Amino acid sequence: MSSYLFIQSRDPITDRTVELNLNLMCDLLNDSKEVTLFLVQEAVMLAKKGILTNHLENFLKKGGKVFADEFSLKIREVDNLKEDVKIAAVSVITDALLDQHKVVWN
């Protein structure tokens, strides 16, 4: 089975590509692919509880995994995360590369 790691760095409020990428990730999940989303920089705002994003919730319901970069969360003072989002270090990216994941950075 193919495994994908999407690294999302763009602001989910002002950049429509975030929504398009989440749709693509859901399509991959529908095709029985393993998909992980790593939020970094401005994209960590998606992880905050109360930020309504149907696309992220849909991704999680379909079995996608979401990690938020610990440093980016700290710098932006983002806390109170959605319960399915896990805090992680950037080492998630290097681990995925070593495990032969296909990596897509936006």
C-alpha atoms as a PDB file:
ATOM      1  CA  MET A   1       0.000   0.000   0.000  1.00  0.00           C
ATOM      2  CA  SER A   2       1.264   3.490  -0.842  1.00  0.00           C
ATOM      3  CA  SER A   3       1.798   5.877   2.048  1.00  0.00           C
ATOM      4  CA  TYR A   4       1.689   9.642   1.718  1.00  0.00           C
ATOM      5  CA  LEU A   5       2.806  12.488   3.953  1.00  0.00           C
ATOM      6  CA  PHE A   6       1.384  15.894   3.101  1.00  0.00           C
ATOM      7  CA  ILE A   7       3.179  18.809   4.728  1.00  0.00           C
ATOM      8  CA  GLN A   8       0.887  21.793   4.890  1.00  0.00           C
ATOM      9  CA  SER A   9       2.470  25.168   5.652  1.00  0.00           C
ATOM     10  CA  ARG A  10       0.077  27.682   4.138  1.00  0.00           C
ATOM     11  CA  ASP A  11      -2.572  29.723   5.908  1.00  0.00           C
ATOM     12  CA  PRO A  12      -5.822  27.734   5.720  1.00  0.00           C
ATOM     13  CA  ILE A  13      -7.943  30.888   5.868  1.00  0.00           C
ATOM     14  CA  THR A  14      -6.405  32.814   2.979  1.00  0.00           C
ATOM     15  CA  ASP A  15      -5.042  30.064   0.725  1.00  0.00           C
ATOM     16  CA  ARG A  16      -7.542  27.904  -1.151  1.00  0.00           C
ATOM     17  CA  THR A  17      -4.925  25.272  -1.986  1.00  0.00           C
ATOM     18  CA  VAL A  18      -5.235  23.988   1.583  1.00  0.00           C
ATOM     19  CA  GLU A  19      -8.844  22.969   0.895  1.00  0.00           C
ATOM     20  CA  LEU A  20      -7.897  21.455  -2.464  1.00  0.00           C
ATOM     21  CA  ASN A  21      -5.106  19.420  -0.851  1.00  0.00           C
ATOM     22  CA  LEU A  22      -7.477  18.115   1.817  1.00  0.00           C
ATOM     23  CA  ASN A  23      -9.855  16.995  -0.947  1.00  0.00           C
ATOM     24  CA  LEU A  24      -6.960  15.201  -2.672  1.00  0.00           C
ATOM     25  CA  MET A  25      -5.987  13.531   0.609  1.00  0.00           C
ATOM     26  CA  CYS A  26      -9.568  12.302   1.076  1.00  0.00           C
ATOM     27  CA  ASP A  27      -9.522  10.883  -2.453  1.00  0.00           C
ATOM     28  CA  LEU A  28      -6.329   8.987  -1.624  1.00  0.00           C
ATOM     29  CA  LEU A  29      -7.931   7.617   1.537  1.00  0.00           C
ATOM     30  CA  ASN A  30     -10.902   6.478  -0.565  1.00  0.00           C
ATOM     31  CA  ASP A  31      -8.387   4.553  -2.707  1.00  0.00           C
ATOM     32  CA  SER A  32      -7.137   2.728   0.418  1.00  0.00           C
ATOM     33  CA  LYS A  33      -3.918   4.704   0.691  1.00  0.00           C
ATOM     34  CA  GLU A  34      -2.364   5.635   4.028  1.00  0.00           C
ATOM     35  CA  VAL A  35      -2.322   9.433   4.357  1.00  0.00           C
ATOM     36  CA  THR A  36      -0.787  11.593   7.064  1.00  0.00           C
ATOM     37  CA  LEU A  37      -1.004  15.373   7.297  1.00  0.00           C
ATOM     38  CA  PHE A  38       1.721  17.351   9.052  1.00  0.00           C
ATOM     39  CA  LEU A  39       0.768  20.941   9.862  1.00  0.00           C
ATOM     40  CA  VAL A  40       3.585  23.462  10.130  1.00  0.00           C
ATOM     41  CA  GLN A  41       3.946  27.265  10.125  1.00  0.00           C
ATOM     42  CA  GLU A  42       0.616  29.029   9.427  1.00  0.00           C
ATOM     43  CA  ALA A  43      -1.234  25.778   8.765  1.00  0.00           C
ATOM     44  CA  VAL A  44      -1.222  24.866  12.476  1.00  0.00           C
ATOM     45  CA  MET A  45      -4.303  27.087  12.787  1.00  0.00           C
ATOM     46  CA  LEU A  46      -6.255  24.150  11.304  1.00  0.00           C
ATOM     47  CA  ALA A  47      -5.510  22.196  14.476  1.00  0.00           C
ATOM     48  CA  LYS A  48      -7.150  24.680  16.826  1.00  0.00           C
ATOM     49  CA  LYS A  49     -10.427  23.634  18.369  1.00  0.00           C
ATOM     50  CA  GLY A  50     -13.235  25.912  17.188  1.00  0.00           C
ATOM     51  CA  ILE A  51     -11.757  26.534  13.741  1.00  0.00           C
ATOM     52  CA  LEU A  52     -14.455  25.023  11.552  1.00  0.00           C
ATOM     53  CA  THR A  53     -13.012  23.143   8.633  1.00  0.00           C
ATOM     54  CA  ASN A  54     -15.298  20.526   7.179  1.00  0.00           C
ATOM     55  CA  HIS A  55     -12.497  19.311   4.944  1.00  0.00           C
ATOM     56  CA  LEU A  56     -10.200  18.494   7.870  1.00  0.00           C
ATOM     57  CA  GLU A  57     -12.994  16.799   9.811  1.00  0.00           C
ATOM     58  CA  ASN A  58     -13.850  14.743   6.721  1.00  0.00           C
ATOM     59  CA  PHE A  59     -10.190  13.749   6.355  1.00  0.00           C
ATOM     60  CA  LEU A  60     -10.063  12.611   9.992  1.00  0.00           C
ATOM     61  CA  LYS A  61     -13.339  10.665   9.703  1.00  0.00           C
ATOM     62  CA  LYS A  62     -11.960   8.766   6.707  1.00  0.00           C
ATOM     63  CA  GLY A  63      -8.965   7.623   8.748  1.00  0.00           C
ATOM     64  CA  GLY A  64      -6.359  10.269   8.012  1.00  0.00           C
ATOM     65  CA  LYS A  65      -3.775  11.119  10.655  1.00  0.00           C
ATOM     66  CA  VAL A  66      -2.929  14.709  11.598  1.00  0.00           C
ATOM     67  CA  PHE A  67       0.161  16.006  13.373  1.00  0.00           C
ATOM     68  CA  ALA A  68       0.898  19.630  14.271  1.00  0.00           C
ATOM     69  CA  ASP A  69       4.450  20.918  14.607  1.00  0.00           C
ATOM     70  CA  GLU A  70       5.245  21.623  18.243  1.00  0.00           C
ATOM     71  CA  PHE A  71       7.468  24.638  17.464  1.00  0.00           C
ATOM     72  CA  SER A  72       4.915  26.255  15.124  1.00  0.00           C
ATOM     73  CA  LEU A  73       2.186  25.826  17.749  1.00  0.00           C
ATOM     74  CA  LYS A  74       4.368  27.421  20.411  1.00  0.00           C
ATOM     75  CA  ILE A  75       5.408  30.392  18.256  1.00  0.00           C
ATOM     76  CA  ARG A  76       1.775  31.125  17.307  1.00  0.00           C
ATOM     77  CA  GLU A  77       0.521  30.439  20.841  1.00  0.00           C
ATOM     78  CA  VAL A  78      -1.969  27.876  19.552  1.00  0.00           C
ATOM     79  CA  ASP A  79      -3.364  25.596  22.214  1.00  0.00           C
ATOM     80  CA  ASN A  80      -6.672  23.818  22.798  1.00  0.00           C
ATOM     81  CA  LEU A  81      -6.229  21.482  19.835  1.00  0.00           C
ATOM     82  CA  LYS A  82      -8.829  19.288  18.211  1.00  0.00           C
ATOM     83  CA  GLU A  83      -8.729  15.925  19.951  1.00  0.00           C
ATOM     84  CA  ASP A  84      -7.629  13.940  16.880  1.00  0.00           C
ATOM     85  CA  VAL A  85      -4.606  16.182  16.245  1.00  0.00           C
ATOM     86  CA  LYS A  86      -1.331  15.076  17.778  1.00  0.00           C
ATOM     87  CA  ILE A  87       1.584  17.354  18.618  1.00  0.00           C
ATOM     88  CA  ALA A  88       4.828  16.232  16.996  1.00  0.00           C
ATOM     89  CA  ALA A  89       8.340  17.317  16.140  1.00  0.00           C
ATOM     90  CA  VAL A  90       9.665  17.781  12.632  1.00  0.00           C
ATOM     91  CA  SER A  91      11.216  14.314  12.935  1.00  0.00           C
ATOM     92  CA  VAL A  92       7.853  12.998  11.649  1.00  0.00           C
ATOM     93  CA  ILE A  93       8.993  14.204   8.229  1.00  0.00           C
ATOM     94  CA  THR A  94      12.382  12.497   8.336  1.00  0.00           C
ATOM     95  CA  ASP A  95      10.799   9.289   9.625  1.00  0.00           C
ATOM     96  CA  ALA A  96       8.331   9.331   6.721  1.00  0.00           C
ATOM     97  CA  LEU A  97      11.141   9.833   4.214  1.00  0.00           C
ATOM     98  CA  LEU A  98      13.079   6.929   5.703  1.00  0.00           C
ATOM     99  CA  ASP A  99       9.938   4.768   5.579  1.00  0.00           C
ATOM    100  CA  GLN A 100       9.551   5.447   1.831  1.00  0.00           C
ATOM    101  CA  HIS A 101       6.431   7.640   2.121  1.00  0.00           C
ATOM    102  CA  LYS A 102       5.626   9.844  -0.824  1.00  0.00           C
ATOM    103  CA  VAL A 103       6.014  13.381   0.533  1.00  0.00           C
ATOM    104  CA  VAL A 104       4.091  16.387  -0.800  1.00  0.00           C
ATOM    105  CA  TRP A 105       4.849  19.850   0.579  1.00  0.00           C
ATOM    106  CA  ASN A 106       2.485  22.777   0.128  1.00  0.00           C
END
